[in-house]
Amino acid sequence: MNDHPHVALMRKVYEAFGTGDVETAGTYWKEDSVHHYPGRSPLSGEHRGIKESTAFANKMFELTEGRLRMDVLEIGASDNHAFALLQTRYERKGRVLEMPFINVARIEDGKIAEFWTYPEDLYATDEFWNL
């Protein structure tokens, strides 16, 4: 059975991001996209447009010195949305944050228009990024 096109899109995003190729991952986002990252940390907020979204992703790589991993457990999609269940591992300043995350994307014209990130434990995520 062939993947839904939105599943294939999300796989491409995670394949590029997983190798640190933030610029290629950004090509799958609309110019006026919005990435919503929860909490109260240097990464939190609404990142508008590809420039802000790629800056956000590059900041993750900078803060972890490239020691981050997102293992895709499952991707699903409908005509307008896609989701990814991830097992993440981030390392920084001698600390490790390892937990499931869920990402939800709204898709328009074959690209990500809006993206929400949901960590399993928001408090632990904030604490980690605020080290």
Protein backbone atom coordinates (compact mmCIF):
# COMPACT_ATOMS: atom_id res chain seq x y z
CA MET A 1 0.00 0.00 0.00
CA ASN A 2 1.32 3.46 -0.89
CA ASP A 3 1.80 6.07 1.82
CA HIS A 4 -0.54 9.00 1.98
CA PRO A 5 1.32 11.97 0.41
CA HIS A 6 1.35 13.76 3.79
CA VAL A 7 3.01 10.75 5.42
CA ALA A 8 5.69 10.86 2.71
CA LEU A 9 6.11 14.61 3.31
CA MET A 10 6.63 14.13 7.04
CA ARG A 11 9.13 11.31 6.41
CA LYS A 12 11.15 13.65 4.18
CA VAL A 13 11.14 16.34 6.88
CA TYR A 14 12.40 13.95 9.58
CA GLU A 15 14.97 12.36 7.26
CA ALA A 16 16.48 15.78 6.51
CA PHE A 17 16.24 17.01 10.10
CA GLY A 18 17.72 13.77 11.42
CA THR A 19 20.93 14.40 9.49
CA GLY A 20 21.06 18.04 10.59
CA ASP A 21 20.02 19.30 7.17
CA VAL A 22 17.71 22.01 8.46
CA GLU A 23 17.74 23.89 5.16
CA THR A 24 16.36 20.91 3.22
CA ALA A 25 13.78 20.24 5.96
CA GLY A 26 12.68 23.88 5.55
CA THR A 27 11.91 23.37 1.87
CA TYR A 28 8.90 21.28 2.90
CA TRP A 29 7.36 24.26 4.77
CA LYS A 30 5.31 27.10 3.29
CA GLU A 31 6.89 30.56 3.30
CA ASP A 32 4.28 31.84 5.76
CA SER A 33 4.22 28.74 7.98
CA VAL A 34 3.97 28.90 11.77
CA HIS A 35 5.68 26.52 14.21
CA HIS A 36 4.15 26.54 17.70
CA TYR A 37 6.60 25.37 20.40
CA PRO A 38 5.15 25.31 23.93
CA GLY A 39 6.54 26.34 27.26
CA ARG A 40 8.81 29.00 28.67
CA SER A 41 12.26 28.46 27.26
CA PRO A 42 14.56 30.01 24.65
CA LEU A 43 12.83 27.80 22.05
CA SER A 44 9.23 28.56 23.04
CA GLY A 45 6.82 30.65 21.03
CA GLU A 46 5.41 31.02 17.56
CA HIS A 47 8.09 30.81 14.90
CA ARG A 48 6.66 32.48 11.80
CA GLY A 49 7.93 31.81 8.31
CA ILE A 50 10.67 29.52 7.08
CA LYS A 51 13.42 31.84 8.31
CA GLU A 52 12.22 31.76 11.94
CA SER A 53 11.43 28.04 11.80
CA THR A 54 14.87 27.13 10.48
CA ALA A 55 16.47 29.46 13.05
CA PHE A 56 14.51 27.55 15.73
CA ALA A 57 15.78 24.20 14.41
CA ASN A 58 19.36 25.47 14.13
CA LYS A 59 19.10 26.72 17.74
CA MET A 60 18.19 23.18 18.85
CA PHE A 61 21.32 21.85 17.15
CA GLU A 62 23.39 24.67 18.66
CA LEU A 63 22.12 24.16 22.22
CA THR A 64 22.67 20.39 22.04
CA GLU A 65 25.92 20.69 20.06
CA GLY A 66 24.30 18.31 17.57
CA ARG A 67 23.55 15.68 20.21
CA LEU A 68 19.89 15.18 19.44
CA ARG A 69 17.94 12.33 17.99
CA MET A 70 14.33 11.96 16.95
CA ASP A 71 13.26 8.41 16.24
CA VAL A 72 9.99 8.29 14.31
CA LEU A 73 7.67 5.71 15.83
CA GLU A 74 4.64 6.37 13.66
CA ILE A 75 3.36 8.87 11.11
CA GLY A 76 -0.27 9.20 10.09
CA ALA A 77 -2.20 11.59 7.90
CA SER A 78 -5.54 12.81 6.66
CA ASP A 79 -6.35 15.15 3.79
CA ASN A 80 -5.39 18.26 5.79
CA HIS A 81 -3.15 17.09 8.63
CA ALA A 82 -0.33 14.76 9.56
CA PHE A 83 1.07 13.63 12.88
CA ALA A 84 4.28 12.04 14.02
CA LEU A 85 4.92 10.12 17.22
CA LEU A 86 8.58 10.48 18.13
CA GLN A 87 10.99 9.20 20.74
CA THR A 88 13.44 12.02 21.31
CA ARG A 89 16.81 12.26 23.01
CA TYR A 90 18.55 15.58 23.59
CA GLU A 91 21.85 16.10 25.41
CA ARG A 92 23.28 19.37 26.72
CA LYS A 93 25.48 20.52 29.57
CA GLY A 94 25.79 16.97 30.90
CA ARG A 95 22.03 16.43 31.03
CA VAL A 96 19.79 14.19 28.94
CA LEU A 97 16.15 14.71 28.05
CA GLU A 98 14.58 11.57 26.65
CA MET A 99 10.83 11.29 26.09
CA PRO A 100 8.06 10.89 23.55
CA PHE A 101 6.87 13.91 21.57
CA ILE A 102 3.90 14.31 19.26
CA ASN A 103 4.05 16.71 16.34
CA VAL A 104 0.97 17.72 14.38
CA ALA A 105 1.14 19.50 11.03
CA ARG A 106 -1.52 21.25 9.01
CA ILE A 107 -0.76 20.71 5.34
CA GLU A 108 -1.64 23.06 2.48
CA ASP A 109 -0.67 22.53 -1.14
CA GLY A 110 1.73 19.73 -0.21
CA LYS A 111 3.69 21.76 2.35
CA ILE A 112 3.55 22.33 6.09
CA ALA A 113 1.50 25.45 6.86
CA GLU A 114 1.31 25.08 10.62
CA PHE A 115 3.12 22.82 13.07
CA TRP A 116 2.53 22.08 16.76
CA THR A 117 4.98 20.31 19.08
CA TYR A 118 3.74 18.47 22.19
CA PRO A 119 6.32 16.98 24.58
CA GLU A 120 5.25 14.31 27.05
CA ASP A 121 6.50 16.43 29.98
CA LEU A 122 6.44 20.17 29.33
CA TYR A 123 8.00 21.01 32.71
CA ALA A 124 10.99 18.73 32.12
CA THR A 125 11.35 20.15 28.59
CA ASP A 126 11.37 23.74 29.90
CA GLU A 127 13.88 22.82 32.60
CA PHE A 128 16.17 21.19 30.03
CA TRP A 129 16.15 24.09 27.55
CA ASN A 130 16.61 26.63 30.37
CA LEU A 131 19.87 25.06 31.66
